[in-house]
């Protein structure tokens, strides 16, 4: 085998061993966190629950509940479970 083949093989082994240490190669972000953020972004984009600008996700969910817009309970649970890092909606500090 050529020396470039050995280098590629070593790089491949290093990547697989480092990902097994962290559990993934996404900088410590799990698939569950990615999925939660995806679901919460869909909530941010869904106008059925009113505007989202200027509100945290929880404030928006609670307002939608107050006005009988029937926001999914799963969304509230994800917001509460996620902690502060996912409280702000998609549009926070962007508009």
Protein backbone atom coordinates (compact mmCIF):
# COMPACT_ATOMS: atom_id res chain seq x y z
CA UNK A 1 0.00 0.00 0.00
CA UNK A 2 1.25 3.52 -0.73
CA UNK A 3 2.15 5.98 2.02
CA UNK A 4 -0.87 8.15 1.15
CA UNK A 5 -3.08 5.11 1.69
CA UNK A 6 -1.60 4.65 5.17
CA UNK A 7 -2.24 8.29 6.03
CA UNK A 8 -5.88 8.06 4.96
CA UNK A 9 -6.31 4.85 6.93
CA UNK A 10 -4.83 6.48 10.06
CA UNK A 11 -7.05 9.56 9.65
CA UNK A 12 -10.09 7.34 9.31
CA UNK A 13 -9.15 5.41 12.48
CA UNK A 14 -8.57 8.68 14.37
CA UNK A 15 -11.98 10.04 13.34
CA UNK A 16 -13.77 6.86 14.39
CA UNK A 17 -11.99 6.72 17.74
CA UNK A 18 -12.65 10.40 18.50
CA UNK A 19 -16.33 10.06 17.63
CA UNK A 20 -16.63 7.05 19.90
CA UNK A 21 -15.20 9.08 22.79
CA UNK A 22 -17.69 11.94 22.38
CA UNK A 23 -20.54 9.78 21.15
CA UNK A 24 -20.88 11.79 17.93
CA UNK A 25 -18.98 14.10 15.62
CA UNK A 26 -21.29 17.12 16.04
CA UNK A 27 -19.25 18.87 18.70
CA UNK A 28 -21.10 17.24 21.60
CA UNK A 29 -24.60 17.79 20.21
CA UNK A 30 -26.70 14.64 20.33
CA UNK A 31 -29.25 13.52 17.76
CA UNK A 32 -31.95 14.14 20.39
CA UNK A 33 -30.83 17.78 20.77
CA UNK A 34 -30.80 18.23 16.99
CA UNK A 35 -34.29 16.74 16.75
CA UNK A 36 -35.59 18.93 19.59
CA UNK A 37 -34.20 22.06 17.99
CA UNK A 38 -35.74 21.07 14.66
CA UNK A 39 -39.18 20.62 16.26
CA UNK A 40 -38.86 23.94 18.11
CA UNK A 41 -37.87 25.75 14.90
CA UNK A 42 -40.99 24.37 13.24
CA UNK A 43 -42.99 25.83 16.12
CA UNK A 44 -41.22 29.18 15.56
CA UNK A 45 -42.22 29.15 11.90
CA UNK A 46 -45.82 28.03 12.44
CA UNK A 47 -48.05 31.11 12.35
CA UNK A 48 -51.00 29.14 13.78
CA UNK A 49 -49.74 30.18 17.22
CA UNK A 50 -49.36 33.89 16.51
CA UNK A 51 -46.28 36.02 15.92
CA UNK A 52 -43.03 34.96 17.56
CA UNK A 53 -40.97 38.14 17.38
CA UNK A 54 -40.21 39.65 20.77
CA UNK A 55 -41.26 36.59 22.77
CA UNK A 56 -39.44 33.60 24.13
CA UNK A 57 -40.71 30.26 22.96
CA UNK A 58 -42.34 29.62 26.33
CA UNK A 59 -44.06 33.03 26.34
CA UNK A 60 -45.39 32.35 22.87
CA UNK A 61 -46.59 28.88 23.83
CA UNK A 62 -48.33 30.24 26.95
CA UNK A 63 -49.98 33.05 24.97
CA UNK A 64 -51.23 30.56 22.38
CA UNK A 65 -52.62 28.37 25.17
CA UNK A 66 -54.34 31.38 26.79
CA UNK A 67 -56.04 32.26 23.50
CA UNK A 68 -57.14 28.64 22.84
CA UNK A 69 -54.83 28.17 19.86
CA UNK A 70 -54.08 24.63 21.10
CA UNK A 71 -50.28 24.56 21.00
CA UNK A 72 -48.92 21.02 21.36
CA UNK A 73 -47.99 20.03 24.92
CA UNK A 74 -44.90 18.34 23.45
CA UNK A 75 -43.57 21.79 22.50
CA UNK A 76 -43.86 23.09 26.08
CA UNK A 77 -42.14 19.97 27.37
CA UNK A 78 -39.29 20.40 24.88
CA UNK A 79 -38.89 24.06 25.81
CA UNK A 80 -38.77 23.29 29.53
CA UNK A 81 -36.46 20.32 29.03
CA UNK A 82 -34.07 22.23 26.77
CA UNK A 83 -33.02 24.81 29.33
CA UNK A 84 -31.92 28.34 28.57
CA UNK A 85 -30.02 27.49 25.39
CA UNK A 86 -33.25 26.92 23.43
CA UNK A 87 -35.60 29.40 25.12
CA UNK A 88 -35.17 32.09 22.49
CA UNK A 89 -37.02 31.62 19.24
CA UNK A 90 -35.61 31.45 15.75
CA UNK A 91 -36.03 35.19 15.17
CA UNK A 92 -34.41 36.38 18.40
CA UNK A 93 -31.83 39.13 17.67
CA UNK A 94 -32.23 38.59 13.93
CA UNK A 95 -35.08 40.96 13.15
